[in-house]
C-alpha atoms as a PDB file:
ATOM      1  CA  UNK A   1      92.475 129.595  94.856  1.00  0.00           C
ATOM      2  CA  UNK A   2      94.222 128.446  91.693  1.00  0.00           C
ATOM      3  CA  UNK A   3      97.147 127.441  93.443  1.00  0.00           C
ATOM      4  CA  UNK A   4      95.165 124.447  94.491  1.00  0.00           C
ATOM      5  CA  UNK A   5      94.590 123.656  90.727  1.00  0.00           C
ATOM      6  CA  UNK A   6      98.357 122.923  90.351  1.00  0.00           C
ATOM      7  CA  UNK A   7      98.411 120.637  93.623  1.00  0.00           C
ATOM      8  CA  UNK A   8     100.786 117.418  92.715  1.00  0.00           C
ATOM      9  CA  UNK A   9      98.714 114.231  91.691  1.00  0.00           C
ATOM     10  CA  UNK A  10     101.360 111.474  93.426  1.00  0.00           C
ATOM     11  CA  UNK A  11     101.352 108.359  95.683  1.00  0.00           C
ATOM     12  CA  UNK A  12     102.441 110.512  98.336  1.00  0.00           C
ATOM     13  CA  UNK A  13      99.355 112.681  98.218  1.00  0.00           C
ATOM     14  CA  UNK A  14      97.127 109.904  97.721  1.00  0.00           C
ATOM     15  CA  UNK A  15      98.711 108.448 101.067  1.00  0.00           C
ATOM     16  CA  UNK A  16      97.963 111.799 102.659  1.00  0.00           C
ATOM     17  CA  UNK A  17      94.500 111.820 101.742  1.00  0.00           C
ATOM     18  CA  UNK A  18      93.832 108.439 103.112  1.00  0.00           C
ATOM     19  CA  UNK A  19      93.374 109.297 106.836  1.00  0.00           C
ATOM     20  CA  UNK A  20      91.239 112.187 105.490  1.00  0.00           C
ATOM     21  CA  UNK A  21      88.801 110.110 103.898  1.00  0.00           C
ATOM     22  CA  UNK A  22      88.835 107.608 106.435  1.00  0.00           C
ATOM     23  CA  UNK A  23      87.361 110.014 108.837  1.00  0.00           C
ATOM     24  CA  UNK A  24      84.129 109.940 106.867  1.00  0.00           C
ATOM     25  CA  UNK A  25      84.015 106.846 104.840  1.00  0.00           C
ATOM     26  CA  UNK A  26      84.465 102.856 105.854  1.00  0.00           C
ATOM     27  CA  UNK A  27      86.595 100.871 103.612  1.00  0.00           C
ATOM     28  CA  UNK A  28      84.409  99.070 101.012  1.00  0.00           C
ATOM     29  CA  UNK A  29      84.518  95.571 100.564  1.00  0.00           C
ATOM     30  CA  UNK A  30      86.582  93.837  97.829  1.00  0.00           C
ATOM     31  CA  UNK A  31      84.689  90.679  97.267  1.00  0.00           C
ATOM     32  CA  UNK A  32      85.919  87.525  95.286  1.00  0.00           C
ATOM     33  CA  UNK A  33      83.216  85.996  92.864  1.00  0.00           C
ATOM     34  CA  UNK A  34      83.681  82.593  92.510  1.00  0.00           C
ATOM     35  CA  UNK A  35      81.146  82.095  89.466  1.00  0.00           C
ATOM     36  CA  UNK A  36      82.222  85.118  87.620  1.00  0.00           C
ATOM     37  CA  UNK A  37      85.692  83.676  88.084  1.00  0.00           C
ATOM     38  CA  UNK A  38      85.028  80.475  86.640  1.00  0.00           C
ATOM     39  CA  UNK A  39      83.218  82.092  83.617  1.00  0.00           C
ATOM     40  CA  UNK A  40      85.974  84.309  82.887  1.00  0.00           C
ATOM     41  CA  UNK A  41      88.801  81.952  83.752  1.00  0.00           C
ATOM     42  CA  UNK A  42      90.563  84.572  86.118  1.00  0.00           C
ATOM     43  CA  UNK A  43      90.354  85.259  89.753  1.00  0.00           C
ATOM     44  CA  UNK A  44      87.699  87.968  89.621  1.00  0.00           C
ATOM     45  CA  UNK A  45      87.316  90.471  92.475  1.00  0.00           C
ATOM     46  CA  UNK A  46      84.923  93.567  92.602  1.00  0.00           C
ATOM     47  CA  UNK A  47      85.479  96.631  94.840  1.00  0.00           C
ATOM     48  CA  UNK A  48      81.929  97.715  96.039  1.00  0.00           C
ATOM     49  CA  UNK A  49      82.076 101.450  95.910  1.00  0.00           C
ATOM     50  CA  UNK A  50      78.499 101.192  95.250  1.00  0.00           C
ATOM     51  CA  UNK A  51      78.254 100.830  99.088  1.00  0.00           C
ATOM     52  CA  UNK A  52      79.857 104.453  99.738  1.00  0.00           C
ATOM     53  CA  UNK A  53      77.685 107.359 100.703  1.00  0.00           C
ATOM     54  CA  UNK A  54      76.137 108.758  97.424  1.00  0.00           C
ATOM     55  CA  UNK A  55      76.694 105.197  95.811  1.00  0.00           C
ATOM     56  CA  UNK A  56      79.990 105.734  93.950  1.00  0.00           C
ATOM     57  CA  UNK A  57      83.597 106.223  94.267  1.00  0.00           C
ATOM     58  CA  UNK A  58      83.490 109.969  93.668  1.00  0.00           C
ATOM     59  CA  UNK A  59      82.648 110.902  97.311  1.00  0.00           C
ATOM     60  CA  UNK A  60      86.329 110.002  98.003  1.00  0.00           C
ATOM     61  CA  UNK A  61      87.493 112.862  95.931  1.00  0.00           C
ATOM     62  CA  UNK A  62      84.730 114.971  97.116  1.00  0.00           C
ATOM     63  CA  UNK A  63      85.943 114.610 100.918  1.00  0.00           C
ATOM     64  CA  UNK A  64      89.805 115.228  99.982  1.00  0.00           C
ATOM     65  CA  UNK A  65      88.830 118.218  98.018  1.00  0.00           C
ATOM     66  CA  UNK A  66      86.620 119.837 100.813  1.00  0.00           C
ATOM     67  CA  UNK A  67      88.980 119.065 103.385  1.00  0.00           C
ATOM     68  CA  UNK A  68      91.560 121.522 101.611  1.00  0.00           C
ATOM     69  CA  UNK A  69      89.281 124.091 100.855  1.00  0.00           C
ATOM     70  CA  UNK A  70      88.306 124.151 104.230  1.00  0.00           C
ATOM     71  CA  UNK A  71      91.724 124.361 105.522  1.00  0.00           C
ATOM     72  CA  UNK A  72      92.395 127.361 102.822  1.00  0.00           C
ATOM     73  CA  UNK A  73      89.608 129.354 104.175  1.00  0.00           C
ATOM     74  CA  UNK A  74      87.520 128.820 101.113  1.00  0.00           C
ATOM     75  CA  UNK A  75      83.644 128.907 101.959  1.00  0.00           C
ATOM     76  CA  UNK A  76      82.065 127.813  99.100  1.00  0.00           C
ATOM     77  CA  UNK A  77      82.152 125.470  95.719  1.00  0.00           C
ATOM     78  CA  UNK A  78      80.433 124.926  92.397  1.00  0.00           C
ATOM     79  CA  UNK A  79      80.763 122.557  89.867  1.00  0.00           C
ATOM     80  CA  UNK A  80      78.783 120.889  86.974  1.00  0.00           C
ATOM     81  CA  UNK A  81      77.560 117.578  86.617  1.00  0.00           C
ATOM     82  CA  UNK A  82      74.537 115.216  85.567  1.00  0.00           C
ATOM     83  CA  UNK A  83      74.588 113.324  88.609  1.00  0.00           C
ATOM     84  CA  UNK A  84      77.142 111.564  90.354  1.00  0.00           C
ATOM     85  CA  UNK A  85      79.985 114.223  90.682  1.00  0.00           C
ATOM     86  CA  UNK A  86      77.763 116.939  91.682  1.00  0.00           C
ATOM     87  CA  UNK A  87      75.938 114.651  94.681  1.00  0.00           C
ATOM     88  CA  UNK A  88      79.505 113.891  95.760  1.00  0.00           C
ATOM     89  CA  UNK A  89      80.465 117.668  96.075  1.00  0.00           C
ATOM     90  CA  UNK A  90      77.085 118.372  97.720  1.00  0.00           C
ATOM     91  CA  UNK A  91      77.265 115.904 100.274  1.00  0.00           C
ATOM     92  CA  UNK A  92      81.083 116.365 101.085  1.00  0.00           C
ATOM     93  CA  UNK A  93      80.609 120.085 101.194  1.00  0.00           C
ATOM     94  CA  UNK A  94      77.627 119.722 103.691  1.00  0.00           C
ATOM     95  CA  UNK A  95      80.198 117.438 106.061  1.00  0.00           C
ATOM     96  CA  UNK A  96      82.702 120.333 105.782  1.00  0.00           C
ATOM     97  CA  UNK A  97      80.214 123.133 106.567  1.00  0.00           C
ATOM     98  CA  UNK A  98      80.690 124.709 102.959  1.00  0.00           C
ATOM     99  CA  UNK A  99      78.250 125.842 100.699  1.00  0.00           C
ATOM    100  CA  UNK A 100      77.614 124.204  97.198  1.00  0.00           C
ATOM    101  CA  UNK A 101      76.119 125.313  94.118  1.00  0.00           C
ATOM    102  CA  UNK A 102      75.718 122.419  91.185  1.00  0.00           C
ATOM    103  CA  UNK A 103      74.751 123.359  87.701  1.00  0.00           C
ATOM    104  CA  UNK A 104      73.119 120.649  85.747  1.00  0.00           C
ATOM    105  CA  UNK A 105      71.732 120.634  82.256  1.00  0.00           C
ATOM    106  CA  UNK A 106      67.967 121.422  81.481  1.00  0.00           C
ATOM    107  CA  UNK A 107      65.633 118.345  81.645  1.00  0.00           C
ATOM    108  CA  UNK A 108      68.566 116.568  83.760  1.00  0.00           C
ATOM    109  CA  UNK A 109      67.420 113.116  85.538  1.00  0.00           C
ATOM    110  CA  UNK A 110      65.049 114.288  88.079  1.00  0.00           C
ATOM    111  CA  UNK A 111      66.113 111.591  90.784  1.00  0.00           C
ATOM    112  CA  UNK A 112      69.614 113.028  90.473  1.00  0.00           C
ATOM    113  CA  UNK A 113      68.331 116.497  90.928  1.00  0.00           C
ATOM    114  CA  UNK A 114      66.431 115.816  94.116  1.00  0.00           C
ATOM    115  CA  UNK A 115      69.388 113.888  95.512  1.00  0.00           C
ATOM    116  CA  UNK A 116      71.539 116.728  95.128  1.00  0.00           C
ATOM    117  CA  UNK A 117      69.124 119.271  96.614  1.00  0.00           C
ATOM    118  CA  UNK A 118      68.630 116.904  99.502  1.00  0.00           C
ATOM    119  CA  UNK A 119      72.284 117.086  99.989  1.00  0.00           C
ATOM    120  CA  UNK A 120      71.837 120.675 100.754  1.00  0.00           C
ATOM    121  CA  UNK A 121      73.198 122.240  97.608  1.00  0.00           C
ATOM    122  CA  UNK A 122      71.674 124.761  95.383  1.00  0.00           C
ATOM    123  CA  UNK A 123      70.733 123.390  92.133  1.00  0.00           C
ATOM    124  CA  UNK A 124      71.135 125.663  88.933  1.00  0.00           C
ATOM    125  CA  UNK A 125      69.769 124.559  85.606  1.00  0.00           C
ATOM    126  CA  UNK A 126      71.373 125.886  82.623  1.00  0.00           C
ATOM    127  CA  UNK A 127      71.929 124.764  78.860  1.00  0.00           C
ATOM    128  CA  UNK A 128      70.801 121.579  77.393  1.00  0.00           C
ATOM    129  CA  UNK A 129      74.295 119.945  77.436  1.00  0.00           C
ATOM    130  CA  UNK A 130      76.855 118.968  80.073  1.00  0.00           C
ATOM    131  CA  UNK A 131      79.096 121.523  78.127  1.00  0.00           C
ATOM    132  CA  UNK A 132      76.699 124.245  78.162  1.00  0.00           C
ATOM    133  CA  UNK A 133      76.146 123.810  81.872  1.00  0.00           C
ATOM    134  CA  UNK A 134      79.888 124.380  82.122  1.00  0.00           C
ATOM    135  CA  UNK A 135      79.722 127.551  80.675  1.00  0.00           C
ATOM    136  CA  UNK A 136      77.338 128.703  83.294  1.00  0.00           C
ATOM    137  CA  UNK A 137      79.695 127.612  85.914  1.00  0.00           C
ATOM    138  CA  UNK A 138      82.558 129.944  84.808  1.00  0.00           C
ATOM    139  CA  UNK A 139      80.234 132.847  85.039  1.00  0.00           C
ATOM    140  CA  UNK A 140      78.777 131.966  88.448  1.00  0.00           C
ATOM    141  CA  UNK A 141      82.273 130.968  90.013  1.00  0.00           C
ATOM    142  CA  UNK A 142      83.657 134.577  89.251  1.00  0.00           C
ATOM    143  CA  UNK A 143      80.525 136.498  90.145  1.00  0.00           C
ATOM    144  CA  UNK A 144      80.077 134.645  93.669  1.00  0.00           C
ATOM    145  CA  UNK A 145      83.816 134.024  94.147  1.00  0.00           C
ATOM    146  CA  UNK A 146      83.047 130.277  94.297  1.00  0.00           C
ATOM    147  CA  UNK A 147      85.782 127.715  93.924  1.00  0.00           C
ATOM    148  CA  UNK A 148      85.119 125.567  90.694  1.00  0.00           C
ATOM    149  CA  UNK A 149      85.602 122.154  91.170  1.00  0.00           C
ATOM    150  CA  UNK A 150      86.071 120.576  87.803  1.00  0.00           C
ATOM    151  CA  UNK A 151      84.634 117.026  87.471  1.00  0.00           C
ATOM    152  CA  UNK A 152      88.276 115.330  86.199  1.00  0.00           C
ATOM    153  CA  UNK A 153      90.845 117.886  86.066  1.00  0.00           C
ATOM    154  CA  UNK A 154      91.119 118.607  89.830  1.00  0.00           C
ATOM    155  CA  UNK A 155      94.194 117.065  91.419  1.00  0.00           C
ATOM    156  CA  UNK A 156      92.986 116.985  95.005  1.00  0.00           C
ATOM    157  CA  UNK A 157      89.663 115.348  93.725  1.00  0.00           C
ATOM    158  CA  UNK A 158      92.112 112.560  91.997  1.00  0.00           C
ATOM    159  CA  UNK A 159      94.545 112.127  94.983  1.00  0.00           C
ATOM    160  CA  UNK A 160      90.941 111.247  97.162  1.00  0.00           C
ATOM    161  CA  UNK A 161      89.827 108.797  94.640  1.00  0.00           C
ATOM    162  CA  UNK A 162      93.179 107.018  94.983  1.00  0.00           C
ATOM    163  CA  UNK A 163      92.435 105.872  98.463  1.00  0.00           C
ATOM    164  CA  UNK A 164      90.237 103.217  96.679  1.00  0.00           C
ATOM    165  CA  UNK A 165      93.292 101.674  95.057  1.00  0.00           C
ATOM    166  CA  UNK A 166      95.238 102.017  98.356  1.00  0.00           C
ATOM    167  CA  UNK A 167      92.384  99.584  99.889  1.00  0.00           C
ATOM    168  CA  UNK A 168      92.483  97.414  96.976  1.00  0.00           C
ATOM    169  CA  UNK A 169      96.587  97.022  97.349  1.00  0.00           C
ATOM    170  CA  UNK A 170      95.885  96.358 101.052  1.00  0.00           C
ATOM    171  CA  UNK A 171      93.483  93.613 100.389  1.00  0.00           C
ATOM    172  CA  UNK A 172      95.177  92.264  97.237  1.00  0.00           C
ATOM    173  CA  UNK A 173      98.674  93.204  96.919  1.00  0.00           C
ATOM    174  CA  UNK A 174      99.448  90.860  94.070  1.00  0.00           C
ATOM    175  CA  UNK A 175      96.818  92.245  91.496  1.00  0.00           C
ATOM    176  CA  UNK A 176      97.733  91.991  87.897  1.00  0.00           C
ATOM    177  CA  UNK A 177      94.908  93.514  86.045  1.00  0.00           C
ATOM    178  CA  UNK A 178      92.331  96.426  87.105  1.00  0.00           C
ATOM    179  CA  UNK A 179      89.484  97.447  84.978  1.00  0.00           C
ATOM    180  CA  UNK A 180      87.393 100.692  85.597  1.00  0.00           C
ATOM    181  CA  UNK A 181      84.870 102.413  84.217  1.00  0.00           C
ATOM    182  CA  UNK A 182      85.959 105.762  82.528  1.00  0.00           C
ATOM    183  CA  UNK A 183      83.686 109.132  82.230  1.00  0.00           C
ATOM    184  CA  UNK A 184      85.865 112.098  82.754  1.00  0.00           C
ATOM    185  CA  UNK A 185      88.753 110.387  83.914  1.00  0.00           C
ATOM    186  CA  UNK A 186      89.286 110.818  87.489  1.00  0.00           C
ATOM    187  CA  UNK A 187      89.060 107.192  88.678  1.00  0.00           C
ATOM    188  CA  UNK A 188      91.449 106.010  85.848  1.00  0.00           C
ATOM    189  CA  UNK A 189      93.969 108.689  86.631  1.00  0.00           C
ATOM    190  CA  UNK A 190      93.647 107.461  90.272  1.00  0.00           C
ATOM    191  CA  UNK A 191      94.272 103.956  89.540  1.00  0.00           C
ATOM    192  CA  UNK A 192      97.362 104.485  87.122  1.00  0.00           C
ATOM    193  CA  UNK A 193      98.785 107.047  90.031  1.00  0.00           C
ATOM    194  CA  UNK A 194      98.056 104.555  92.741  1.00  0.00           C
ATOM    195  CA  UNK A 195      98.667 101.081  91.376  1.00  0.00           C
ATOM    196  CA  UNK A 196     101.833 101.510  89.319  1.00  0.00           C
ATOM    197  CA  UNK A 197     103.360 103.089  92.329  1.00  0.00           C
ATOM    198  CA  UNK A 198     103.183  99.601  94.157  1.00  0.00           C
ATOM    199  CA  UNK A 199     103.305  97.432  90.798  1.00  0.00           C
ATOM    200  CA  UNK A 200     104.710  99.261  87.594  1.00  0.00           C
ATOM    201  CA  UNK A 201     103.600  96.070  85.712  1.00  0.00           C
ATOM    202  CA  UNK A 202      99.883  96.020  86.727  1.00  0.00           C
ATOM    203  CA  UNK A 203      97.560  96.366  83.324  1.00  0.00           C
ATOM    204  CA  UNK A 204      94.777  98.760  83.811  1.00  0.00           C
ATOM    205  CA  UNK A 205      91.897  98.940  81.473  1.00  0.00           C
ATOM    206  CA  UNK A 206      89.482 101.765  81.316  1.00  0.00           C
ATOM    207  CA  UNK A 207      86.089 100.623  79.651  1.00  0.00           C
ATOM    208  CA  UNK A 208      83.688 103.279  78.099  1.00  0.00           C
ATOM    209  CA  UNK A 209      80.184 102.902  76.998  1.00  0.00           C
ATOM    210  CA  UNK A 210      80.053 102.682  72.969  1.00  0.00           C
ATOM    211  CA  UNK A 211      77.628 105.171  72.551  1.00  0.00           C
ATOM    212  CA  UNK A 212      79.473 107.485  74.642  1.00  0.00           C
ATOM    213  CA  UNK A 213      83.110 107.283  73.450  1.00  0.00           C
ATOM    214  CA  UNK A 214      84.655 110.569  74.042  1.00  0.00           C
ATOM    215  CA  UNK A 215      87.506 108.982  76.032  1.00  0.00           C
ATOM    216  CA  UNK A 216      88.212 106.291  73.881  1.00  0.00           C
ATOM    217  CA  UNK A 217      88.385 108.516  70.803  1.00  0.00           C
ATOM    218  CA  UNK A 218      90.554 110.816  72.581  1.00  0.00           C
ATOM    219  CA  UNK A 219      93.097 108.283  73.473  1.00  0.00           C
ATOM    220  CA  UNK A 220      93.218 106.821  70.065  1.00  0.00           C
ATOM    221  CA  UNK A 221      93.979 110.252  68.411  1.00  0.00           C
ATOM    222  CA  UNK A 222      96.209 111.736  71.071  1.00  0.00           C
ATOM    223  CA  UNK A 223      94.129 114.836  71.207  1.00  0.00           C
ATOM    224  CA  UNK A 224      90.782 115.817  73.234  1.00  0.00           C
ATOM    225  CA  UNK A 225      87.704 115.167  71.141  1.00  0.00           C
ATOM    226  CA  UNK A 226      85.027 117.913  71.552  1.00  0.00           C
ATOM    227  CA  UNK A 227      82.187 116.275  69.546  1.00  0.00           C
ATOM    228  CA  UNK A 228      80.823 112.605  69.469  1.00  0.00           C
ATOM    229  CA  UNK A 229      79.883 110.875  66.500  1.00  0.00           C
END
């Protein structure tokens, strides 16, 4: 299973993922917003990834990852999440006939928990933080021989998410600036991998919540920040 962790992240692999993802997901709309464009002073388009099943871009990565797990004879997957990533893994695993275990912190959002359960996954509550939940994943993945799908450090997941940006290039080939939210970083990594392959000069901005600045602080300090202020 470890060889999948060394899979390349590249534009060629994003293109390979495109037909795999398209089997399950329709292209989402890229909509021009006139009022927002006037307010900002630029031509503003929004890619409606919220129209995907599960409501986010993450399902793209889940589909590509599950395709490869199935192809390699892997029957089960485990991950940790507080919501959207776990839901994407649970949903994609069900589509491919794989078992899924999602570990969440105790006192996690009950709406997210219910959605994960309704997608067919086993839900395990462990620890009180995201990091503590991840420790339980390490134990269970070894005990039950499950593939550990990391929320961001997962090449096949990033290549799948890259198909979002292939669709943008198809609709808006002269894009100049891309703004993405950043949590764990899979969407930002996919944006850089895909958009820069077609336009090396495109500017890419990743935006993070001020009260949850781990990625921002890591970028500034050039090292992984484990604790937030």
